Each structure stands twice: as C-alpha cells, then as structure tokens.
Amino acid sequence: MQFQSTMLVVEDIDRSVAFYEAVLGLRVVMDFGANKTLTGGIALQTLETWRAFIGTEAVAFGGNDAELYFEEDDFDAFLDRLGAEDVALVHPVKEHPWGQRAVRFYDPDGHIIEVGENLQTVCRRFLGSGMTPEQTAQRMDVPLEFVNGCM
C-alpha cells in the first residue's frame, strides 16, 4: 500500500484553487472537474460530490483539529506575499522554542495551513549569528549531526 494524497473538501473549488495558487504557489496537476490535484499532493474535492460519496449532508468546516504544514526557505519573502493576500490568521508569526518562525492561517474553507521557516535555514541563521554548532544543536534541540549537515 502507498499513500497518495491528502484531500480537502471545499465549498468553491475555483476559489480554493485560486487561493492555493496565490498564497502557496501551488498549481493544478490533475483536473477531474469536481476533484483537482495540486502540486505537493493536495487534492481538492467539491462539497457536493463529497456529500454524495459519504452519503450524508453532515460535513463541518473549521474544526481547528488538523493542518497542512509547509516549510519555506525564504520565510520573509513568503510573509510579504501572505501580507498582500486577504487571509485570516490563526495567529501572527511566532518563534517556536527551537527557533523556527511560523505562521498559521485559514484557507477559504477554514482548513488550517502552517508555513514554517525551513529548519535548515533556521540552523544556518543561528550559525550565521555566531553560535557554535554545539550551541545551535542545543538551542534547536536537534542532534549535532543535523547541524553539521546544514553547514
């Protein structure tokens, strides 16, 4: 068995495609009309067809119980792009205890998306600030081998 993709149910597939293209730079790689597969292995399915598939009208959006997670090499440029879009934030940019900056926001249907700074970029940022590899490993709570691999 092989995992194929994550599928999100959406109320307006064209609106969702436009959002994922503009905000995350994804693009449609397979278009089946009611189902569109985007780069990165995310599929979007229309609400109407999903209800027919599962045989119920009971579909809820905005459960705040899962997220799609992305990492970005140029986090500051991504934040500039995000700021140009009409996006509802879950929270503003925060720095996690291990030093990674991240922001979470909602897609048009209330699915949470997290974009975090690439961990290798965090490592190189700490090393560039004058921290030793040992200090960086301790600060990030990662093995020294990870830090050495980032140099």
N, C-alpha and C. Protein backbone atom coordinates (compact mmCIF):
# COMPACT_ATOMS: atom_id res chain seq x y z
N MET A 1 0.84 -1.17 0.00
CA MET A 1 0.00 0.00 0.00
C MET A 1 0.88 1.24 0.00
N GLN A 2 0.41 2.28 -0.71
CA GLN A 2 1.18 3.51 -0.80
C GLN A 2 0.23 4.69 -0.61
N PHE A 3 0.60 5.61 0.28
CA PHE A 3 -0.17 6.82 0.49
C PHE A 3 -0.12 7.67 -0.77
N GLN A 4 -1.26 8.24 -1.17
CA GLN A 4 -1.31 9.01 -2.41
C GLN A 4 -1.45 10.52 -2.21
N SER A 5 -2.36 10.94 -1.32
CA SER A 5 -2.55 12.38 -1.16
C SER A 5 -3.42 12.68 0.04
N THR A 6 -3.46 13.96 0.37
CA THR A 6 -4.40 14.49 1.34
C THR A 6 -5.48 15.21 0.56
N MET A 7 -6.73 14.96 0.92
CA MET A 7 -7.84 15.59 0.21
C MET A 7 -8.59 16.51 1.16
N LEU A 8 -8.89 17.70 0.67
CA LEU A 8 -9.68 18.66 1.41
C LEU A 8 -10.99 18.90 0.69
N VAL A 9 -12.07 18.91 1.43
CA VAL A 9 -13.38 19.22 0.88
C VAL A 9 -13.53 20.73 0.89
N VAL A 10 -14.00 21.29 -0.23
CA VAL A 10 -14.12 22.74 -0.36
C VAL A 10 -15.49 23.12 -0.92
N GLU A 11 -15.96 24.27 -0.50
CA GLU A 11 -17.27 24.74 -0.98
C GLU A 11 -17.20 25.29 -2.40
N ASP A 12 -16.13 25.97 -2.75
CA ASP A 12 -15.98 26.57 -4.08
C ASP A 12 -14.59 26.21 -4.59
N ILE A 13 -14.54 25.22 -5.46
CA ILE A 13 -13.24 24.68 -5.88
C ILE A 13 -12.40 25.71 -6.64
N ASP A 14 -13.04 26.56 -7.43
CA ASP A 14 -12.27 27.57 -8.17
C ASP A 14 -11.66 28.60 -7.21
N ARG A 15 -12.43 29.02 -6.20
CA ARG A 15 -11.92 29.94 -5.19
C ARG A 15 -10.74 29.32 -4.45
N SER A 16 -10.87 28.02 -4.11
CA SER A 16 -9.80 27.35 -3.38
C SER A 16 -8.55 27.19 -4.23
N VAL A 17 -8.71 26.84 -5.49
CA VAL A 17 -7.56 26.72 -6.39
C VAL A 17 -6.85 28.07 -6.48
N ALA A 18 -7.61 29.14 -6.66
CA ALA A 18 -7.01 30.47 -6.76
C ALA A 18 -6.24 30.81 -5.47
N PHE A 19 -6.80 30.46 -4.32
CA PHE A 19 -6.13 30.71 -3.04
C PHE A 19 -4.81 29.95 -2.97
N TYR A 20 -4.83 28.65 -3.24
CA TYR A 20 -3.61 27.85 -3.12
C TYR A 20 -2.55 28.27 -4.15
N GLU A 21 -2.98 28.74 -5.30
CA GLU A 21 -2.03 29.24 -6.28
C GLU A 21 -1.40 30.55 -5.81
N ALA A 22 -2.23 31.50 -5.36
CA ALA A 22 -1.74 32.83 -4.99
C ALA A 22 -0.92 32.80 -3.70
N VAL A 23 -1.39 32.09 -2.69
CA VAL A 23 -0.76 32.16 -1.38
C VAL A 23 0.42 31.20 -1.27
N LEU A 24 0.26 29.98 -1.77
CA LEU A 24 1.30 28.96 -1.58
C LEU A 24 2.08 28.63 -2.85
N GLY A 25 1.67 29.18 -3.97
CA GLY A 25 2.38 28.92 -5.22
C GLY A 25 2.15 27.53 -5.79
N LEU A 26 1.09 26.86 -5.34
CA LEU A 26 0.79 25.53 -5.87
C LEU A 26 0.10 25.67 -7.21
N ARG A 27 0.04 24.58 -7.97
CA ARG A 27 -0.66 24.61 -9.25
C ARG A 27 -1.39 23.29 -9.46
N VAL A 28 -2.38 23.32 -10.30
CA VAL A 28 -3.17 22.13 -10.60
C VAL A 28 -2.35 21.23 -11.52
N VAL A 29 -2.23 19.96 -11.13
CA VAL A 29 -1.51 18.99 -11.97
C VAL A 29 -2.47 17.95 -12.56
N MET A 30 -3.65 17.78 -11.95
CA MET A 30 -4.68 16.88 -12.49
C MET A 30 -6.03 17.54 -12.23
N ASP A 31 -6.84 17.66 -13.28
CA ASP A 31 -8.14 18.31 -13.14
C ASP A 31 -9.23 17.35 -13.57
N PHE A 32 -10.00 16.88 -12.58
CA PHE A 32 -11.11 15.98 -12.84
C PHE A 32 -12.44 16.70 -12.66
N GLY A 33 -12.42 18.02 -12.71
CA GLY A 33 -13.64 18.80 -12.53
C GLY A 33 -13.98 18.96 -11.06
N ALA A 34 -14.64 17.98 -10.48
CA ALA A 34 -15.03 18.03 -9.07
C ALA A 34 -13.87 17.69 -8.14
N ASN A 35 -12.76 17.27 -8.70
CA ASN A 35 -11.56 16.96 -7.91
C ASN A 35 -10.36 17.49 -8.69
N LYS A 36 -9.55 18.24 -7.98
CA LYS A 36 -8.34 18.79 -8.60
C LYS A 36 -7.16 18.47 -7.69
N THR A 37 -6.11 17.92 -8.29
CA THR A 37 -4.90 17.60 -7.54
C THR A 37 -3.89 18.71 -7.78
N LEU A 38 -3.32 19.19 -6.68
CA LEU A 38 -2.34 20.27 -6.74
C LEU A 38 -0.94 19.72 -6.52
N THR A 39 0.06 20.49 -6.90
CA THR A 39 1.42 20.11 -6.59
C THR A 39 1.53 19.93 -5.08
N GLY A 40 2.42 19.06 -4.67
CA GLY A 40 2.57 18.79 -3.25
C GLY A 40 1.67 17.69 -2.74
N GLY A 41 0.81 17.14 -3.60
CA GLY A 41 -0.02 16.02 -3.19
C GLY A 41 -1.30 16.40 -2.47
N ILE A 42 -1.77 17.61 -2.66
CA ILE A 42 -3.04 18.02 -2.05
C ILE A 42 -4.12 17.94 -3.11
N ALA A 43 -5.22 17.30 -2.76
CA ALA A 43 -6.37 17.22 -3.66
C ALA A 43 -7.52 18.02 -3.06
N LEU A 44 -8.28 18.68 -3.92
CA LEU A 44 -9.46 19.42 -3.51
C LEU A 44 -10.68 18.71 -4.11
N GLN A 45 -11.72 18.53 -3.31
CA GLN A 45 -12.94 17.84 -3.74
C GLN A 45 -14.13 18.75 -3.45
N THR A 46 -15.07 18.85 -4.37
CA THR A 46 -16.23 19.70 -4.13
C THR A 46 -17.10 19.12 -3.03
N LEU A 47 -17.72 20.01 -2.28
CA LEU A 47 -18.60 19.62 -1.17
C LEU A 47 -19.75 18.75 -1.66
N GLU A 48 -20.35 19.11 -2.79
CA GLU A 48 -21.49 18.35 -3.30
C GLU A 48 -21.12 16.90 -3.60
N THR A 49 -20.01 16.69 -4.27
CA THR A 49 -19.62 15.32 -4.60
C THR A 49 -19.18 14.55 -3.36
N TRP A 50 -18.53 15.23 -2.42
CA TRP A 50 -18.11 14.57 -1.19
C TRP A 50 -19.32 14.07 -0.41
N ARG A 51 -20.34 14.93 -0.31
CA ARG A 51 -21.57 14.51 0.38
C ARG A 51 -22.18 13.28 -0.29
N ALA A 52 -22.15 13.25 -1.60
CA ALA A 52 -22.67 12.08 -2.32
C ALA A 52 -21.82 10.84 -2.04
N PHE A 53 -20.51 11.01 -1.99
CA PHE A 53 -19.61 9.88 -1.73
C PHE A 53 -19.88 9.25 -0.36
N ILE A 54 -20.04 10.11 0.66
CA ILE A 54 -20.17 9.57 2.01
C ILE A 54 -21.62 9.38 2.44
N GLY A 55 -22.57 9.84 1.62
CA GLY A 55 -23.98 9.59 1.88
C GLY A 55 -24.57 10.38 3.03
N THR A 56 -24.06 11.58 3.27
CA THR A 56 -24.62 12.41 4.33
C THR A 56 -24.38 13.88 4.02
N GLU A 57 -25.25 14.72 4.56
CA GLU A 57 -25.08 16.16 4.45
C GLU A 57 -24.18 16.70 5.56
N ALA A 58 -23.89 15.88 6.56
CA ALA A 58 -23.17 16.31 7.76
C ALA A 58 -21.67 16.46 7.49
N VAL A 59 -21.29 17.61 7.00
CA VAL A 59 -19.89 17.95 6.77
C VAL A 59 -19.63 19.27 7.48
N ALA A 60 -18.60 19.32 8.30
CA ALA A 60 -18.28 20.53 9.07
C ALA A 60 -16.93 21.09 8.63
N PHE A 61 -16.86 22.39 8.58
CA PHE A 61 -15.61 23.07 8.26
C PHE A 61 -15.10 23.79 9.50
N GLY A 62 -13.80 24.06 9.53
CA GLY A 62 -13.21 24.89 10.58
C GLY A 62 -13.09 24.21 11.93
N GLY A 63 -12.75 22.92 11.93
CA GLY A 63 -12.66 22.18 13.18
C GLY A 63 -11.43 22.48 14.01
N ASN A 64 -10.44 23.19 13.45
CA ASN A 64 -9.21 23.51 14.17
C ASN A 64 -8.53 22.28 14.75
N ASP A 65 -8.63 21.15 14.08
CA ASP A 65 -8.07 19.91 14.62
C ASP A 65 -7.00 19.28 13.73
N ALA A 66 -6.61 19.97 12.67
CA ALA A 66 -5.58 19.46 11.78
C ALA A 66 -5.02 20.63 10.98
N GLU A 67 -3.89 20.40 10.32
CA GLU A 67 -3.32 21.45 9.48
C GLU A 67 -2.55 20.83 8.33
N LEU A 68 -2.37 21.62 7.29
CA LEU A 68 -1.41 21.32 6.24
C LEU A 68 -0.15 22.08 6.60
N TYR A 69 1.00 21.41 6.57
CA TYR A 69 2.25 22.02 7.01
C TYR A 69 3.21 22.15 5.84
N PHE A 70 3.74 23.36 5.69
CA PHE A 70 4.71 23.66 4.65
C PHE A 70 5.92 24.30 5.30
N GLU A 71 7.09 24.15 4.67
CA GLU A 71 8.28 24.88 5.07
C GLU A 71 8.73 25.74 3.91
N GLU A 72 9.23 26.91 4.25
CA GLU A 72 9.64 27.89 3.25
C GLU A 72 11.08 28.30 3.50
N ASP A 73 11.90 28.26 2.43
CA ASP A 73 13.30 28.68 2.55
C ASP A 73 13.42 30.18 2.81
N ASP A 74 12.65 30.98 2.06
CA ASP A 74 12.70 32.44 2.20
C ASP A 74 11.44 32.88 2.94
N PHE A 75 11.46 32.71 4.25
CA PHE A 75 10.27 32.96 5.07
C PHE A 75 9.83 34.42 5.01
N ASP A 76 10.78 35.35 5.01
CA ASP A 76 10.43 36.76 4.97
C ASP A 76 9.72 37.12 3.66
N ALA A 77 10.19 36.58 2.54
CA ALA A 77 9.53 36.83 1.26
C ALA A 77 8.12 36.23 1.26
N PHE A 78 7.98 35.05 1.87
CA PHE A 78 6.64 34.46 1.97
C PHE A 78 5.72 35.36 2.78
N LEU A 79 6.21 35.91 3.89
CA LEU A 79 5.38 36.79 4.72
C LEU A 79 4.94 38.02 3.94
N ASP A 80 5.82 38.55 3.09
CA ASP A 80 5.44 39.68 2.24
C ASP A 80 4.31 39.27 1.30
N ARG A 81 4.43 38.09 0.69
CA ARG A 81 3.39 37.59 -0.23
C ARG A 81 2.09 37.35 0.54
N LEU A 82 2.19 36.77 1.72
CA LEU A 82 1.00 36.49 2.53
C LEU A 82 0.30 37.79 2.91
N GLY A 83 1.08 38.81 3.26
CA GLY A 83 0.51 40.09 3.65
C GLY A 83 -0.25 40.78 2.54
N ALA A 84 0.05 40.43 1.30
CA ALA A 84 -0.63 41.02 0.15
C ALA A 84 -1.97 40.34 -0.13
N GLU A 85 -2.24 39.24 0.54
CA GLU A 85 -3.48 38.48 0.33
C GLU A 85 -4.46 38.75 1.47
N ASP A 86 -5.73 38.54 1.19
CA ASP A 86 -6.77 38.67 2.22
C ASP A 86 -6.91 37.32 2.91
N VAL A 87 -6.10 37.12 3.96
CA VAL A 87 -6.01 35.84 4.64
C VAL A 87 -6.31 36.03 6.13
N ALA A 88 -7.15 35.16 6.68
CA ALA A 88 -7.44 35.20 8.11
C ALA A 88 -6.38 34.41 8.85
N LEU A 89 -5.69 35.06 9.76
CA LEU A 89 -4.63 34.40 10.52
C LEU A 89 -5.20 33.62 11.70
N VAL A 90 -4.63 32.45 11.96
CA VAL A 90 -4.88 31.75 13.21
C VAL A 90 -4.12 32.47 14.30
N HIS A 91 -2.88 32.83 14.00
CA HIS A 91 -2.05 33.64 14.90
C HIS A 91 -1.00 34.34 14.05
N PRO A 92 -0.48 35.47 14.54
CA PRO A 92 0.61 36.12 13.81
C PRO A 92 1.88 35.26 13.88
N VAL A 93 2.91 35.72 13.19
CA VAL A 93 4.18 34.99 13.20
C VAL A 93 4.65 34.82 14.64
N LYS A 94 5.05 33.59 14.93
CA LYS A 94 5.63 33.33 16.24
C LYS A 94 6.91 32.54 16.06
N GLU A 95 7.79 32.66 17.04
CA GLU A 95 9.00 31.86 17.02
C GLU A 95 8.85 30.76 18.06
N HIS A 96 8.94 29.53 17.59
CA HIS A 96 8.83 28.38 18.48
C HIS A 96 10.07 28.28 19.36
N PRO A 97 9.99 27.54 20.47
CA PRO A 97 11.15 27.42 21.37
C PRO A 97 12.44 26.94 20.68
N TRP A 98 12.33 26.18 19.60
CA TRP A 98 13.51 25.68 18.89
C TRP A 98 14.01 26.66 17.84
N GLY A 99 13.38 27.85 17.76
CA GLY A 99 13.89 28.92 16.90
C GLY A 99 13.22 29.05 15.55
N GLN A 100 12.38 28.13 15.19
CA GLN A 100 11.70 28.20 13.89
C GLN A 100 10.55 29.20 13.96
N ARG A 101 10.54 30.11 12.99
CA ARG A 101 9.42 31.04 12.88
C ARG A 101 8.31 30.37 12.06
N ALA A 102 7.07 30.65 12.44
CA ALA A 102 5.94 30.03 11.75
C ALA A 102 4.72 30.94 11.84
N VAL A 103 3.84 30.77 10.87
CA VAL A 103 2.55 31.46 10.87
C VAL A 103 1.49 30.43 10.48
N ARG A 104 0.33 30.55 11.09
CA ARG A 104 -0.80 29.69 10.73
C ARG A 104 -1.95 30.59 10.29
N PHE A 105 -2.65 30.12 9.26
CA PHE A 105 -3.78 30.88 8.73
C PHE A 105 -4.80 29.90 8.16
N TYR A 106 -5.98 30.44 7.85
CA TYR A 106 -7.07 29.62 7.33
C TYR A 106 -7.16 29.74 5.82
N ASP A 107 -7.49 28.63 5.17
CA ASP A 107 -7.84 28.71 3.76
C ASP A 107 -9.30 29.16 3.68
N PRO A 108 -9.86 29.35 2.49
CA PRO A 108 -11.23 29.86 2.40
C PRO A 108 -12.30 28.99 3.09
N ASP A 109 -12.00 27.73 3.34
CA ASP A 109 -12.98 26.84 3.97
C ASP A 109 -12.66 26.55 5.43
N GLY A 110 -11.71 27.27 6.00
CA GLY A 110 -11.41 27.10 7.40
C GLY A 110 -10.42 26.01 7.73
N HIS A 111 -9.75 25.45 6.71
CA HIS A 111 -8.67 24.50 6.96
C HIS A 111 -7.43 25.29 7.40
N ILE A 112 -6.73 24.80 8.40
CA ILE A 112 -5.55 25.50 8.89
C ILE A 112 -4.33 25.12 8.05
N ILE A 113 -3.57 26.15 7.71
CA ILE A 113 -2.30 25.96 7.00
C ILE A 113 -1.21 26.58 7.86
N GLU A 114 -0.13 25.84 8.06
CA GLU A 114 1.04 26.38 8.73
C GLU A 114 2.16 26.47 7.72
N VAL A 115 2.83 27.61 7.72
CA VAL A 115 4.06 27.76 6.95
C VAL A 115 5.14 28.12 7.95
N GLY A 116 6.14 27.26 8.01
CA GLY A 116 7.26 27.47 8.91
C GLY A 116 8.53 27.71 8.13
N GLU A 117 9.44 28.36 8.78
CA GLU A 117 10.77 28.57 8.22
C GLU A 117 11.46 27.22 8.09
N ASN A 118 12.08 26.98 6.96
CA ASN A 118 12.80 25.73 6.75
C ASN A 118 13.80 25.52 7.88
N LEU A 119 13.83 24.31 8.45
CA LEU A 119 14.69 24.04 9.61
C LEU A 119 16.18 24.19 9.30
N GLN A 120 16.59 23.86 8.08
CA GLN A 120 17.99 24.07 7.72
C GLN A 120 18.31 25.57 7.69
N THR A 121 17.33 26.36 7.26
CA THR A 121 17.50 27.81 7.24
C THR A 121 17.64 28.35 8.66
N VAL A 122 16.83 27.83 9.58
CA VAL A 122 16.94 28.22 10.99
C VAL A 122 18.34 27.91 11.51
N CYS A 123 18.80 26.73 11.21
CA CYS A 123 20.13 26.29 11.65
C CYS A 123 21.20 27.24 11.11
N ARG A 124 21.14 27.53 9.81
CA ARG A 124 22.13 28.42 9.22
C ARG A 124 22.02 29.84 9.78
N ARG A 125 20.81 30.27 10.12
CA ARG A 125 20.62 31.59 10.74
C ARG A 125 21.34 31.65 12.08
N PHE A 126 21.18 30.60 12.89
CA PHE A 126 21.85 30.58 14.19
C PHE A 126 23.36 30.53 14.04
N LEU A 127 23.83 29.68 13.13
CA LEU A 127 25.28 29.60 12.90
C LEU A 127 25.83 30.93 12.41
N GLY A 128 25.07 31.60 11.52
CA GLY A 128 25.50 32.89 10.99
C GLY A 128 25.51 34.00 12.03
N SER A 129 24.76 33.78 13.11
CA SER A 129 24.73 34.80 14.17
C SER A 129 25.91 34.65 15.13
N GLY A 130 26.74 33.62 14.89
CA GLY A 130 27.91 33.41 15.74
C GLY A 130 27.79 32.26 16.72
N MET A 131 26.66 31.59 16.73
CA MET A 131 26.51 30.43 17.62
C MET A 131 27.39 29.29 17.11
N THR A 132 27.95 28.51 18.01
CA THR A 132 28.72 27.34 17.63
C THR A 132 27.75 26.24 17.21
N PRO A 133 28.25 25.21 16.52
CA PRO A 133 27.38 24.08 16.19
C PRO A 133 26.75 23.45 17.44
N GLU A 134 27.53 23.35 18.50
CA GLU A 134 27.00 22.76 19.74
C GLU A 134 25.89 23.63 20.34
N GLN A 135 26.09 24.94 20.34
CA GLN A 135 25.07 25.85 20.85
C GLN A 135 23.81 25.80 19.99
N THR A 136 24.00 25.71 18.68
CA THR A 136 22.87 25.64 17.76
C THR A 136 22.09 24.36 17.99
N ALA A 137 22.79 23.24 18.13
CA ALA A 137 22.10 21.96 18.38
C ALA A 137 21.31 22.03 19.68
N GLN A 138 21.89 22.64 20.70
CA GLN A 138 21.20 22.75 21.98
C GLN A 138 19.98 23.68 21.85
N ARG A 139 20.16 24.82 21.20
CA ARG A 139 19.07 25.80 21.04
C ARG A 139 17.91 25.20 20.25
N MET A 140 18.22 24.43 19.20
CA MET A 140 17.18 23.86 18.35
C MET A 140 16.67 22.52 18.85
N ASP A 141 17.37 21.95 19.83
CA ASP A 141 17.02 20.62 20.35
C ASP A 141 17.06 19.58 19.23
N VAL A 142 18.15 19.63 18.48
CA VAL A 142 18.38 18.68 17.39
C VAL A 142 19.76 18.04 17.58
N PRO A 143 19.99 16.90 16.96
CA PRO A 143 21.32 16.28 17.06
C PRO A 143 22.39 17.15 16.39
N LEU A 144 23.59 17.08 16.92
CA LEU A 144 24.71 17.82 16.34
C LEU A 144 24.92 17.42 14.89
N GLU A 145 24.63 16.18 14.55
CA GLU A 145 24.77 15.72 13.17
C GLU A 145 23.87 16.52 12.22
N PHE A 146 22.66 16.87 12.70
CA PHE A 146 21.76 17.69 11.88
C PHE A 146 22.40 19.04 11.61
N VAL A 147 22.95 19.65 12.65
CA VAL A 147 23.59 20.96 12.50
C VAL A 147 24.77 20.86 11.54
N ASN A 148 25.61 19.85 11.72
CA ASN A 148 26.76 19.69 10.83
C ASN A 148 26.33 19.50 9.39
N GLY A 149 25.20 18.86 9.18
CA GLY A 149 24.68 18.68 7.82
C GLY A 149 24.16 19.95 7.19
N CYS A 150 23.88 20.94 7.99
CA CYS A 150 23.37 22.23 7.48
C CYS A 150 24.48 23.19 7.09
N MET A 151 25.73 22.86 7.50
CA MET A 151 26.84 23.78 7.25
C MET A 151 27.37 23.60 5.84
